[in-house]
C-alpha atoms as a PDB file:
ATOM      1  CA  MET A   1      17.628  17.069  34.314  1.00  0.00           C
ATOM      2  CA  TYR A   2      14.033  18.720  34.279  1.00  0.00           C
ATOM      3  CA  TYR A   3      12.401  19.982  31.237  1.00  0.00           C
ATOM      4  CA  PRO A   4       9.160  21.741  31.858  1.00  0.00           C
ATOM      5  CA  TYR A   5       7.265  22.547  28.680  1.00  0.00           C
ATOM      6  CA  PHE A   6       5.547  25.840  28.287  1.00  0.00           C
ATOM      7  CA  ARG A   7       3.320  27.069  25.669  1.00  0.00           C
ATOM      8  CA  GLY A   8       4.015  30.836  25.203  1.00  0.00           C
ATOM      9  CA  LYS A   9       0.828  32.307  26.466  1.00  0.00           C
ATOM     10  CA  GLN A  10       1.017  35.392  28.606  1.00  0.00           C
ATOM     11  CA  TYR A  11       1.143  33.893  31.947  1.00  0.00           C
ATOM     12  CA  GLU A  12       3.280  30.995  31.005  1.00  0.00           C
ATOM     13  CA  LEU A  13       5.766  33.556  29.775  1.00  0.00           C
ATOM     14  CA  ILE A  14       5.515  35.528  32.966  1.00  0.00           C
ATOM     15  CA  THR A  15       6.236  32.382  34.992  1.00  0.00           C
ATOM     16  CA  ILE A  16       9.339  31.832  32.853  1.00  0.00           C
ATOM     17  CA  ARG A  17      10.558  35.435  33.460  1.00  0.00           C
ATOM     18  CA  GLU A  18       9.894  35.474  37.039  1.00  0.00           C
ATOM     19  CA  ASN A  19      11.409  32.074  37.700  1.00  0.00           C
ATOM     20  CA  ALA A  20      14.624  32.453  35.492  1.00  0.00           C
ATOM     21  CA  GLU A  21      16.734  32.705  38.627  1.00  0.00           C
ATOM     22  CA  ARG A  22      15.330  29.759  40.205  1.00  0.00           C
ATOM     23  CA  MET A  23      15.948  27.584  36.987  1.00  0.00           C
ATOM     24  CA  THR A  24      19.443  28.222  37.388  1.00  0.00           C
ATOM     25  CA  GLN A  25      19.621  26.463  40.769  1.00  0.00           C
ATOM     26  CA  ALA A  26      18.845  23.098  39.400  1.00  0.00           C
ATOM     27  CA  ALA A  27      19.739  23.232  35.938  1.00  0.00           C
ATOM     28  CA  ILE A  28      16.094  23.354  34.856  1.00  0.00           C
ATOM     29  CA  VAL A  29      15.841  23.549  31.068  1.00  0.00           C
ATOM     30  CA  PRO A  30      12.404  25.100  29.955  1.00  0.00           C
ATOM     31  CA  ILE A  31      11.055  24.137  26.684  1.00  0.00           C
ATOM     32  CA  ILE A  32       9.230  27.002  24.959  1.00  0.00           C
ATOM     33  CA  GLU A  33       6.647  26.613  22.004  1.00  0.00           C
ATOM     34  CA  PRO A  34       5.693  30.086  20.934  1.00  0.00           C
ATOM     35  CA  VAL A  35       1.983  30.462  20.287  1.00  0.00           C
ATOM     36  CA  LYS A  36       1.518  34.185  19.819  1.00  0.00           C
ATOM     37  CA  GLN A  37       2.332  36.573  16.723  1.00  0.00           C
ATOM     38  CA  ASN A  38       2.898  39.358  19.384  1.00  0.00           C
ATOM     39  CA  MET A  39       6.531  38.588  20.422  1.00  0.00           C
ATOM     40  CA  SER A  40       6.883  41.190  23.191  1.00  0.00           C
ATOM     41  CA  GLY A  41       6.040  38.758  26.072  1.00  0.00           C
ATOM     42  CA  LEU A  42       8.416  36.064  24.557  1.00  0.00           C
ATOM     43  CA  HIS A  43      11.222  38.710  24.090  1.00  0.00           C
ATOM     44  CA  ARG A  44      11.084  39.520  27.805  1.00  0.00           C
ATOM     45  CA  ALA A  45      10.987  35.960  28.883  1.00  0.00           C
ATOM     46  CA  LEU A  46      13.933  35.176  26.678  1.00  0.00           C
ATOM     47  CA  GLU A  47      15.848  38.221  27.991  1.00  0.00           C
ATOM     48  CA  ALA A  48      15.488  37.096  31.458  1.00  0.00           C
ATOM     49  CA  LEU A  49      16.804  33.583  30.711  1.00  0.00           C
ATOM     50  CA  VAL A  50      19.685  34.865  28.799  1.00  0.00           C
ATOM     51  CA  GLU A  51      20.522  37.413  31.801  1.00  0.00           C
ATOM     52  CA  LYS A  52      20.601  34.305  34.256  1.00  0.00           C
ATOM     53  CA  ASN A  53      22.378  31.977  31.638  1.00  0.00           C
ATOM     54  CA  VAL A  54      19.636  29.510  31.620  1.00  0.00           C
ATOM     55  CA  ARG A  55      19.780  26.868  29.015  1.00  0.00           C
ATOM     56  CA  PHE A  56      16.464  26.364  27.065  1.00  0.00           C
ATOM     57  CA  VAL A  57      14.900  24.822  23.923  1.00  0.00           C
ATOM     58  CA  LEU A  58      13.071  27.241  21.794  1.00  0.00           C
ATOM     59  CA  ILE A  59      10.545  25.353  19.240  1.00  0.00           C
ATOM     60  CA  PHE A  60      11.237  26.566  15.669  1.00  0.00           C
ATOM     61  CA  ASN A  61       7.939  25.095  14.139  1.00  0.00           C
ATOM     62  CA  PRO A  62       5.138  25.540  16.778  1.00  0.00           C
ATOM     63  CA  GLN A  63       2.170  23.270  16.376  1.00  0.00           C
ATOM     64  CA  CYS A  64      -0.382  25.163  18.467  1.00  0.00           C
ATOM     65  CA  GLY A  65      -1.745  28.756  18.535  1.00  0.00           C
ATOM     66  CA  ALA A  66      -1.140  31.617  15.918  1.00  0.00           C
ATOM     67  CA  LEU A  67       2.400  30.519  14.996  1.00  0.00           C
ATOM     68  CA  CYS A  68       1.320  26.976  13.659  1.00  0.00           C
ATOM     69  CA  ASP A  69       2.152  26.338  10.059  1.00  0.00           C
ATOM     70  CA  ILE A  70       3.241  29.697   9.216  1.00  0.00           C
ATOM     71  CA  ASN A  71       6.532  30.967   7.899  1.00  0.00           C
ATOM     72  CA  PRO A  72       9.144  30.821  10.777  1.00  0.00           C
ATOM     73  CA  ALA A  73      10.249  34.381   9.940  1.00  0.00           C
ATOM     74  CA  LEU A  74       9.301  35.427  13.461  1.00  0.00           C
ATOM     75  CA  ILE A  75      11.420  32.827  15.323  1.00  0.00           C
ATOM     76  CA  ASN A  76      14.223  33.766  13.013  1.00  0.00           C
ATOM     77  CA  GLU A  77      14.018  37.292  14.203  1.00  0.00           C
ATOM     78  CA  LEU A  78      14.265  36.304  17.635  1.00  0.00           C
ATOM     79  CA  VAL A  79      17.305  33.941  16.893  1.00  0.00           C
ATOM     80  CA  ASN A  80      19.140  36.595  14.928  1.00  0.00           C
ATOM     81  CA  GLY A  81      18.122  39.474  17.213  1.00  0.00           C
ATOM     82  CA  THR A  82      17.568  38.845  20.914  1.00  0.00           C
ATOM     83  CA  LEU A  83      19.464  35.635  20.927  1.00  0.00           C
ATOM     84  CA  SER A  84      22.083  36.526  18.468  1.00  0.00           C
ATOM     85  CA  GLU A  85      25.049  36.657  20.789  1.00  0.00           C
ATOM     86  CA  TYR A  86      23.719  33.746  23.084  1.00  0.00           C
ATOM     87  CA  HIS A  87      24.628  30.251  22.677  1.00  0.00           C
ATOM     88  CA  ASN A  88      23.207  28.305  25.649  1.00  0.00           C
ATOM     89  CA  PHE A  89      20.151  27.244  23.829  1.00  0.00           C
ATOM     90  CA  SER A  90      19.021  24.863  21.144  1.00  0.00           C
ATOM     91  CA  LEU A  91      16.292  25.024  18.574  1.00  0.00           C
ATOM     92  CA  GLY A  92      13.538  22.670  18.870  1.00  0.00           C
ATOM     93  CA  TYR A  93      11.957  20.822  15.859  1.00  0.00           C
ATOM     94  CA  ILE A  94       8.753  18.965  16.325  1.00  0.00           C
ATOM     95  CA  VAL A  95       8.112  15.799  14.405  1.00  0.00           C
ATOM     96  CA  THR A  96       4.473  14.588  14.165  1.00  0.00           C
ATOM     97  CA  GLN A  97       2.713  11.937  12.029  1.00  0.00           C
ATOM     98  CA  ASP A  98       2.516  14.688   9.288  1.00  0.00           C
ATOM     99  CA  THR A  99       6.025  15.515   9.251  1.00  0.00           C
ATOM    100  CA  LEU A 100       8.172  15.083   6.035  1.00  0.00           C
ATOM    101  CA  LEU A 101      11.601  13.478   6.732  1.00  0.00           C
ATOM    102  CA  SER A 102      13.098  15.693   4.061  1.00  0.00           C
ATOM    103  CA  ASN A 103      11.890  18.811   6.135  1.00  0.00           C
ATOM    104  CA  VAL A 104      13.622  17.441   9.212  1.00  0.00           C
ATOM    105  CA  THR A 105      16.960  16.864   7.563  1.00  0.00           C
ATOM    106  CA  SER A 106      16.766  20.178   5.739  1.00  0.00           C
ATOM    107  CA  PHE A 107      16.206  22.163   8.855  1.00  0.00           C
ATOM    108  CA  CYS A 108      18.954  20.138  10.853  1.00  0.00           C
ATOM    109  CA  LYS A 109      21.626  20.994   7.882  1.00  0.00           C
ATOM    110  CA  SER A 110      20.606  24.672   7.794  1.00  0.00           C
ATOM    111  CA  ALA A 111      20.218  25.362  11.575  1.00  0.00           C
ATOM    112  CA  SER A 112      22.723  27.839  12.989  1.00  0.00           C
ATOM    113  CA  HIS A 113      22.375  26.270  16.603  1.00  0.00           C
ATOM    114  CA  PRO A 114      22.139  23.054  18.232  1.00  0.00           C
ATOM    115  CA  VAL A 115      18.891  21.247  17.358  1.00  0.00           C
ATOM    116  CA  THR A 116      16.586  19.243  19.716  1.00  0.00           C
ATOM    117  CA  ILE A 117      14.123  17.085  17.995  1.00  0.00           C
ATOM    118  CA  VAL A 118      10.724  16.960  19.813  1.00  0.00           C
ATOM    119  CA  HIS A 119       8.979  13.634  18.946  1.00  0.00           C
ATOM    120  CA  SER A 120       5.355  14.016  19.054  1.00  0.00           C
ATOM    121  CA  GLY A 121       3.619  11.324  16.866  1.00  0.00           C
ATOM    122  CA  TYR A 122       6.111  10.647  13.997  1.00  0.00           C
ATOM    123  CA  GLN A 123       5.589   7.012  12.909  1.00  0.00           C
ATOM    124  CA  HIS A 124       8.971   5.826  11.364  1.00  0.00           C
ATOM    125  CA  GLY A 125      11.467   5.840  14.107  1.00  0.00           C
ATOM    126  CA  ARG A 126      14.208   3.828  12.616  1.00  0.00           C
ATOM    127  CA  GLU A 127      13.887   5.772   9.335  1.00  0.00           C
ATOM    128  CA  LEU A 128      14.172   9.010  11.419  1.00  0.00           C
ATOM    129  CA  ALA A 129      17.140   7.911  13.395  1.00  0.00           C
ATOM    130  CA  ASP A 130      19.052   6.624  10.419  1.00  0.00           C
ATOM    131  CA  ALA A 131      18.687  10.117   8.936  1.00  0.00           C
ATOM    132  CA  LEU A 132      19.652  11.997  11.830  1.00  0.00           C
ATOM    133  CA  ASN A 133      22.700   9.900  12.942  1.00  0.00           C
ATOM    134  CA  SER A 134      24.767  12.100  10.216  1.00  0.00           C
ATOM    135  CA  GLN A 135      23.543  15.276  11.652  1.00  0.00           C
ATOM    136  CA  LYS A 136      26.109  16.547  13.934  1.00  0.00           C
ATOM    137  CA  ASN A 137      24.124  19.426  15.293  1.00  0.00           C
ATOM    138  CA  VAL A 138      21.449  17.270  16.631  1.00  0.00           C
ATOM    139  CA  SER A 139      22.147  17.455  20.389  1.00  0.00           C
ATOM    140  CA  GLU A 140      19.227  15.707  22.083  1.00  0.00           C
ATOM    141  CA  HIS A 141      15.727  14.087  21.630  1.00  0.00           C
ATOM    142  CA  ILE A 142      12.612  14.928  23.579  1.00  0.00           C
ATOM    143  CA  PHE A 143       9.847  12.397  23.651  1.00  0.00           C
ATOM    144  CA  ILE A 144       6.123  13.291  24.504  1.00  0.00           C
ATOM    145  CA  GLU A 145       5.389  10.143  26.121  1.00  0.00           C
ATOM    146  CA  GLU A 146       1.737   9.748  24.858  1.00  0.00           C
ATOM    147  CA  TYR A 147       3.031   9.715  21.273  1.00  0.00           C
ATOM    148  CA  CYS A 148       6.457   7.791  21.591  1.00  0.00           C
ATOM    149  CA  SER A 149       6.384   3.990  22.609  1.00  0.00           C
ATOM    150  CA  LYS A 150       9.557   2.314  24.167  1.00  0.00           C
ATOM    151  CA  LEU A 151      10.221   0.661  20.950  1.00  0.00           C
ATOM    152  CA  TYR A 152      10.171   3.985  19.073  1.00  0.00           C
ATOM    153  CA  ARG A 153      12.425   5.580  21.724  1.00  0.00           C
ATOM    154  CA  LYS A 154      15.075   2.810  21.585  1.00  0.00           C
ATOM    155  CA  HIS A 155      16.172   3.909  17.947  1.00  0.00           C
ATOM    156  CA  PHE A 156      17.585   7.334  19.334  1.00  0.00           C
ATOM    157  CA  SER A 157      20.077   6.167  22.066  1.00  0.00           C
ATOM    158  CA  LYS A 158      23.017   8.000  20.639  1.00  0.00           C
ATOM    159  CA  LYS A 159      22.058  11.500  22.067  1.00  0.00           C
ATOM    160  CA  THR A 160      20.649  12.915  25.193  1.00  0.00           C
ATOM    161  CA  ARG A 161      17.177  11.750  25.812  1.00  0.00           C
ATOM    162  CA  VAL A 162      14.263  13.320  27.655  1.00  0.00           C
ATOM    163  CA  LEU A 163      10.969  11.877  28.516  1.00  0.00           C
ATOM    164  CA  VAL A 164       8.186  14.242  28.931  1.00  0.00           C
ATOM    165  CA  ARG A 165       5.044  13.056  30.570  1.00  0.00           C
ATOM    166  CA  ASP A 166       1.553  14.789  30.820  1.00  0.00           C
ATOM    167  CA  GLY A 167       0.453  14.283  34.452  1.00  0.00           C
ATOM    168  CA  PHE A 168      -2.481  16.820  34.437  1.00  0.00           C
ATOM    169  CA  ILE A 169      -5.616  15.398  33.505  1.00  0.00           C
ATOM    170  CA  LYS A 170      -7.883  17.806  31.556  1.00  0.00           C
ATOM    171  CA  ARG A 171     -11.478  18.050  32.654  1.00  0.00           C
ATOM    172  CA  THR A 172     -14.117  20.728  33.712  1.00  0.00           C
ATOM    173  CA  ASN A 173     -13.090  22.073  36.919  1.00  0.00           C
ATOM    174  CA  ARG A 174     -16.216  20.670  38.791  1.00  0.00           C
ATOM    175  CA  GLU A 175     -15.115  17.089  37.811  1.00  0.00           C
ATOM    176  CA  HIS A 176     -11.681  17.136  39.468  1.00  0.00           C
ATOM    177  CA  PRO A 177     -11.306  14.907  42.591  1.00  0.00           C
ATOM    178  CA  GLU A 178      -9.753  16.129  45.693  1.00  0.00           C
ATOM    179  CA  VAL A 179      -6.411  14.559  45.093  1.00  0.00           C
ATOM    180  CA  GLU A 180      -5.124  12.339  42.258  1.00  0.00           C
ATOM    181  CA  HIS A 181      -1.593  11.032  41.083  1.00  0.00           C
ATOM    182  CA  PHE A 182       0.482  13.340  38.858  1.00  0.00           C
ATOM    183  CA  SER A 183       3.774  11.534  38.069  1.00  0.00           C
ATOM    184  CA  ASP A 184       6.630   9.333  39.417  1.00  0.00           C
ATOM    185  CA  LEU A 185       9.061  10.344  36.384  1.00  0.00           C
ATOM    186  CA  HIS A 186      11.111  12.477  38.817  1.00  0.00           C
ATOM    187  CA  ILE A 187      11.890   9.307  40.700  1.00  0.00           C
ATOM    188  CA  THR A 188      11.793   6.616  37.796  1.00  0.00           C
ATOM    189  CA  TYR A 189      13.047   8.572  34.715  1.00  0.00           C
ATOM    190  CA  LYS A 190      16.394   6.613  34.778  1.00  0.00           C
ATOM    191  CA  GLU A 191      14.528   3.323  34.831  1.00  0.00           C
ATOM    192  CA  GLU A 192      13.080   4.607  31.439  1.00  0.00           C
ATOM    193  CA  SER A 193      16.650   4.800  29.988  1.00  0.00           C
ATOM    194  CA  VAL A 194      16.606   8.596  29.440  1.00  0.00           C
ATOM    195  CA  ASP A 195      18.747  11.429  30.784  1.00  0.00           C
ATOM    196  CA  GLY A 196      16.251  13.635  31.776  1.00  0.00           C
ATOM    197  CA  PHE A 197      12.314  14.229  32.345  1.00  0.00           C
ATOM    198  CA  GLY A 198       9.736  16.781  31.964  1.00  0.00           C
ATOM    199  CA  ASP A 199       5.955  17.743  32.185  1.00  0.00           C
ATOM    200  CA  PHE A 200       3.464  20.196  31.127  1.00  0.00           C
ATOM    201  CA  LEU A 201       3.083  21.596  34.635  1.00  0.00           C
ATOM    202  CA  ILE A 202      -0.455  21.939  35.999  1.00  0.00           C
ATOM    203  CA  VAL A 203      -1.663  22.981  32.452  1.00  0.00           C
ATOM    204  CA  GLY A 204      -1.585  19.872  30.525  1.00  0.00           C
ATOM    205  CA  ASP A 205      -0.570  19.280  26.900  1.00  0.00           C
ATOM    206  CA  ASP A 206      -3.973  20.080  25.441  1.00  0.00           C
ATOM    207  CA  TYR A 207      -3.776  23.368  24.130  1.00  0.00           C
ATOM    208  CA  ASN A 208      -6.720  25.851  23.982  1.00  0.00           C
ATOM    209  CA  GLU A 209      -6.587  29.428  23.133  1.00  0.00           C
ATOM    210  CA  GLY A 210      -8.846  30.559  26.251  1.00  0.00           C
ATOM    211  CA  GLY A 211     -11.410  29.198  28.465  1.00  0.00           C
ATOM    212  CA  GLY A 212     -14.726  29.966  28.884  1.00  0.00           C
ATOM    213  CA  PRO A 213     -16.554  31.396  31.862  1.00  0.00           C
ATOM    214  CA  ALA A 214     -15.418  29.642  35.175  1.00  0.00           C
ATOM    215  CA  TYR A 215     -18.594  27.758  36.775  1.00  0.00           C
ATOM    216  CA  THR A 216     -16.241  26.159  39.027  1.00  0.00           C
ATOM    217  CA  ILE A 217     -12.953  27.923  40.280  1.00  0.00           C
ATOM    218  CA  ALA A 218      -9.934  25.494  40.944  1.00  0.00           C
ATOM    219  CA  ILE A 219      -6.681  25.947  42.303  1.00  0.00           C
ATOM    220  CA  HIS A 220      -4.130  23.178  41.531  1.00  0.00           C
ATOM    221  CA  LEU A 221      -1.087  22.251  43.831  1.00  0.00           C
ATOM    222  CA  THR A 222       1.322  19.485  43.044  1.00  0.00           C
ATOM    223  CA  PHE A 223       2.916  17.665  46.239  1.00  0.00           C
ATOM    224  CA  ILE A 224       5.426  15.035  46.921  1.00  0.00           C
ATOM    225  CA  ASP A 225       4.427  12.368  49.423  1.00  0.00           C
ATOM    226  CA  ALA A 226       7.255  10.887  51.359  1.00  0.00           C
ATOM    227  CA  ALA A 227       4.917   8.135  52.673  1.00  0.00           C
ATOM    228  CA  GLU A 228       4.369   6.923  49.102  1.00  0.00           C
ATOM    229  CA  ASP A 229       8.187   6.622  48.088  1.00  0.00           C
ATOM    230  CA  ASP A 230       8.244  10.291  47.082  1.00  0.00           C
ATOM    231  CA  ASP A 231       5.544   9.758  44.314  1.00  0.00           C
ATOM    232  CA  MET A 232       3.839  12.999  43.108  1.00  0.00           C
ATOM    233  CA  PHE A 233       0.307  14.016  43.472  1.00  0.00           C
ATOM    234  CA  VAL A 234      -1.912  17.050  42.595  1.00  0.00           C
ATOM    235  CA  LYS A 235      -4.608  18.317  44.769  1.00  0.00           C
ATOM    236  CA  HIS A 236      -7.512  20.290  43.469  1.00  0.00           C
ATOM    237  CA  TYR A 237      -9.019  22.897  45.663  1.00  0.00           C
ATOM    238  CA  LEU A 238     -12.622  23.853  44.360  1.00  0.00           C
ATOM    239  CA  SER A 239     -15.174  26.455  45.058  1.00  0.00           C
ATOM    240  CA  ASP A 240     -18.228  25.366  46.793  1.00  0.00           C
ATOM    241  CA  ARG A 241     -20.446  26.870  44.062  1.00  0.00           C
ATOM    242  CA  THR A 242     -20.263  25.268  40.622  1.00  0.00           C
ATOM    243  CA  ASN A 243     -23.661  26.073  38.880  1.00  0.00           C
ATOM    244  CA  THR A 244     -23.359  29.477  37.497  1.00  0.00           C
ATOM    245  CA  PRO A 245     -20.571  31.614  36.059  1.00  0.00           C
ATOM    246  CA  VAL A 246     -21.124  34.701  38.379  1.00  0.00           C
ATOM    247  CA  ASP A 247     -18.959  36.006  41.148  1.00  0.00           C
ATOM    248  CA  PRO A 248     -15.510  34.376  40.315  1.00  0.00           C
ATOM    249  CA  GLY A 249     -14.009  36.456  43.030  1.00  0.00           C
ATOM    250  CA  GLY A 250     -16.207  34.858  45.609  1.00  0.00           C
ATOM    251  CA  LYS A 251     -15.634  31.442  44.307  1.00  0.00           C
ATOM    252  CA  PHE A 252     -11.890  31.816  44.573  1.00  0.00           C
ATOM    253  CA  LEU A 253     -12.128  32.701  48.114  1.00  0.00           C
ATOM    254  CA  GLU A 254     -14.039  29.546  48.598  1.00  0.00           C
ATOM    255  CA  ALA A 255     -11.233  27.568  46.946  1.00  0.00           C
ATOM    256  CA  LEU A 256      -8.669  29.338  48.687  1.00  0.00           C
ATOM    257  CA  GLN A 257     -10.122  28.796  51.983  1.00  0.00           C
ATOM    258  CA  LYS A 258      -9.827  24.955  51.557  1.00  0.00           C
ATOM    259  CA  LEU A 259      -6.146  25.518  50.363  1.00  0.00           C
ATOM    260  CA  VAL A 260      -5.106  27.539  53.330  1.00  0.00           C
ATOM    261  CA  ASP A 261      -6.970  25.088  55.706  1.00  0.00           C
ATOM    262  CA  ASP A 262      -5.043  22.185  54.132  1.00  0.00           C
ATOM    263  CA  VAL A 263      -1.496  24.049  54.023  1.00  0.00           C
ATOM    264  CA  GLU A 264      -1.716  25.236  57.734  1.00  0.00           C
ATOM    265  CA  LYS A 265      -2.276  21.841  59.098  1.00  0.00           C
ATOM    266  CA  LYS A 266       0.892  20.240  60.854  1.00  0.00           C
ATOM    267  CA  SER A 267       0.471  17.174  58.876  1.00  0.00           C
ATOM    268  CA  SER A 268       0.189  19.052  55.557  1.00  0.00           C
ATOM    269  CA  LYS A 269       2.166  17.527  52.607  1.00  0.00           C
ATOM    270  CA  ILE A 270       2.249  20.610  50.748  1.00  0.00           C
ATOM    271  CA  TYR A 271       5.724  22.345  50.008  1.00  0.00           C
ATOM    272  CA  ARG A 272       5.567  25.642  51.672  1.00  0.00           C
ATOM    273  CA  SER A 273       6.782  27.582  48.540  1.00  0.00           C
ATOM    274  CA  GLU A 274       6.735  31.205  48.079  1.00  0.00           C
ATOM    275  CA  ALA A 275       3.841  30.750  45.625  1.00  0.00           C
ATOM    276  CA  VAL A 276       1.872  28.954  48.480  1.00  0.00           C
ATOM    277  CA  ASN A 277       2.854  31.838  50.888  1.00  0.00           C
ATOM    278  CA  GLU A 278       1.434  34.372  48.296  1.00  0.00           C
ATOM    279  CA  TYR A 279      -1.684  32.436  48.175  1.00  0.00           C
ATOM    280  CA  VAL A 280      -1.948  32.602  52.023  1.00  0.00           C
ATOM    281  CA  LYS A 281      -1.478  36.440  51.712  1.00  0.00           C
ATOM    282  CA  PHE A 282      -4.374  36.529  48.980  1.00  0.00           C
ATOM    283  CA  HIS A 283      -6.510  34.776  51.708  1.00  0.00           C
ATOM    284  CA  GLU A 284      -5.560  37.301  54.377  1.00  0.00           C
ATOM    285  CA  ARG A 285      -6.580  40.237  52.297  1.00  0.00           C
ATOM    286  CA  GLU A 286      -9.338  38.352  50.711  1.00  0.00           C
ATOM    287  CA  HIS A 287      -8.053  39.211  47.246  1.00  0.00           C
ATOM    288  CA  TYR A 288      -8.803  37.660  44.028  1.00  0.00           C
ATOM    289  CA  PRO A 289      -6.017  38.268  41.286  1.00  0.00           C
ATOM    290  CA  GLY A 290      -7.675  36.804  38.454  1.00  0.00           C
ATOM    291  CA  LEU A 291      -7.611  33.365  36.918  1.00  0.00           C
ATOM    292  CA  GLY A 292      -4.344  33.889  34.798  1.00  0.00           C
ATOM    293  CA  TYR A 293      -2.367  34.939  38.020  1.00  0.00           C
ATOM    294  CA  ILE A 294      -3.882  31.900  39.833  1.00  0.00           C
ATOM    295  CA  LYS A 295      -2.393  29.748  37.069  1.00  0.00           C
ATOM    296  CA  LYS A 296       0.989  31.422  37.101  1.00  0.00           C
ATOM    297  CA  LEU A 297       1.102  30.870  41.117  1.00  0.00           C
ATOM    298  CA  SER A 298       0.304  27.137  40.578  1.00  0.00           C
ATOM    299  CA  MET A 299       2.935  26.724  37.820  1.00  0.00           C
ATOM    300  CA  GLN A 300       5.545  28.687  39.936  1.00  0.00           C
ATOM    301  CA  HIS A 301       4.787  26.383  42.878  1.00  0.00           C
ATOM    302  CA  HIS A 302       5.433  23.245  40.775  1.00  0.00           C
ATOM    303  CA  ILE A 303       8.662  24.627  39.629  1.00  0.00           C
ATOM    304  CA  GLU A 304       9.635  25.511  43.484  1.00  0.00           C
ATOM    305  CA  LEU A 305       8.659  21.926  44.358  1.00  0.00           C
ATOM    306  CA  MET A 306      10.715  20.452  41.500  1.00  0.00           C
ATOM    307  CA  ILE A 307      13.667  22.622  42.579  1.00  0.00           C
ATOM    308  CA  ASN A 308      13.369  21.339  46.306  1.00  0.00           C
ATOM    309  CA  SER A 309      13.039  17.783  45.208  1.00  0.00           C
ATOM    310  CA  LEU A 310      16.118  18.051  42.811  1.00  0.00           C
ATOM    311  CA  THR A 311      18.361  20.048  45.160  1.00  0.00           C
ATOM    312  CA  ARG A 312      17.572  18.521  48.657  1.00  0.00           C
ATOM    313  CA  ASP A 313      19.848  15.598  48.434  1.00  0.00           C
ATOM    314  CA  LEU A 314      22.750  17.399  46.857  1.00  0.00           C
END
């Protein structure tokens, strides 16, 4: 099972909404961490998932953005409103190095839906596992790999286990190499003794509210290389100009030209997703859709790539 981790910003939520039907094809389970007090986009995304009967994990205690460390009333409104008659989801509870064990057990006892524990830096694995063993509504454990050693994970063997790896290295756009390794977890996750795997798509785990001016425009596309045992890599198509923030539209077309040249090669390793086809149409029209839409398309491509990988041998 594949668990893409989304922070609930505008284009992440649009990506979820527009790919809800695709997610049903390969039993994809999106993890959604709300980060905005304005819930309208999240409402629409959840409604799309409900309509297509997609199973998902909704984080109850966000650790990023405007909802971090505030009263969870807004999440409760979603659960008791939009999701009141829907049962194909779980409530995610993030445990970090600052989490109190008593808060975790209290939440599990009071939760009206199955609970998914998201492990992101909690230090005392054995103590937590012992406390959760008696909680019947804890359905699965999701481990953010950077914060969870194998020794820590071994304590939680009695439930479904998912390992989330951040394959996207955050750096300034101009510093991205042409191509680099992304992840092999889609191939090797069973060797990690887990039942599913996930990632942060082409966004990465590091959260920021908004970027500054784009000196370099970058388009990121993941691909699976059959010649490398189906390992996954990411290509970064960069604009030629990198020294000033002016003319983002022109810079996008520079990066887009490199993408189109690559995907139209007979030897191209890029999966021809609907998202890639839309990039090609932008090239034909010389159209710049904005940075947010570019990110959305690359997230969609990654989802389409994962679906193709997960379903091609079925």
